[in-house]
Amino acid sequence: MKKIIVLAALLLTAVTQAQSIIVFSDDAQINDGDVIVYEELGAEAGYLRLQVQNTSNQSISLKLKMDSIENGDNLANEDGVVQFCFGGYCYYTVSEGTAAPNNPDNSGLTLAPGGVNDEGDHFINAYPGDDGTGVIYNMSFIQVDAEGNQVGDALLSFQYKYEPQMGIEDFASLQNMGININNTVVKNTFDLNTTANTTLEVYAINGQLIKTVNLKTGAQSVDLSALNSGVYITRFTTEDKRTSQVRIVKN
């Protein structure tokens, strides 16, 4: 009996190792250990398409698992700031251990040899991090059994990293767009000067859009007195679709 168990384990290991996948985002292949960096938030700028192909000679069942989140302690309390979609199922908030698809039988997405998943599977981030400085999602594709339990090690792991361009680079970008900011520490008004019509969006650190202002050319003050104290992300978009963003602190 002991030899049979060992042999079964060896066979399972051989089968697991023989099964493999390749993952693409549009035309770019995602390799094990890759770090994919985004500098902007939202459904367009922060969109990561996930296309998986089974390159083995047998069917496999897969799940996309959220292994860990860095600088995202408050994320689980927010709904709608991410889209974590795989196998036809979407989560709109995530935490460590979240896995998709969440089938009624928990079996995962089964791909035949050479098969690929639905084109709509993706990950979107609209959460700027607990302190507005960025967030890291560590994810992996895992093989699961009929009950949804992970089999062996992850088939492929990768990192989605939101890393906003802050500081001098942001101010230089804003100046190139014809926008000059007078203060990033705000008591009541956010004072600036623009040379072109621009849309200003103010986001809370949980990714929620708080305020939208259509700015005309010239010097102006945006009333932010109603905002609670804290860190906010301001995003500027010009009529020719150039964008830049900078953090502000509301006292």
Foldseek 3Di string as FASTA:
>chain_A
DVVVVVVVVVVLVVVVVQKAKWKDFVPHTDAFAAEAEFQAADDPRFKTWIKMWTQHQFKFFKKKFFAAKDLCPVQQVDFQQKWQFFQHDTGRTDHHGDIDDPDPQLQHDIAGNGGMGDRPGIMGGLACGNANQWMKTKMFMFTAHSNNHGRDDTNGIYMYIHGHDEDPVQQVLCVVQQKHWDAQEAAFKTKIAGQAWKKKWKADNRNDTDDIDTDHGGIDIDTPNPDDFGKIKIWIAGPVGDIGIYIGTYD
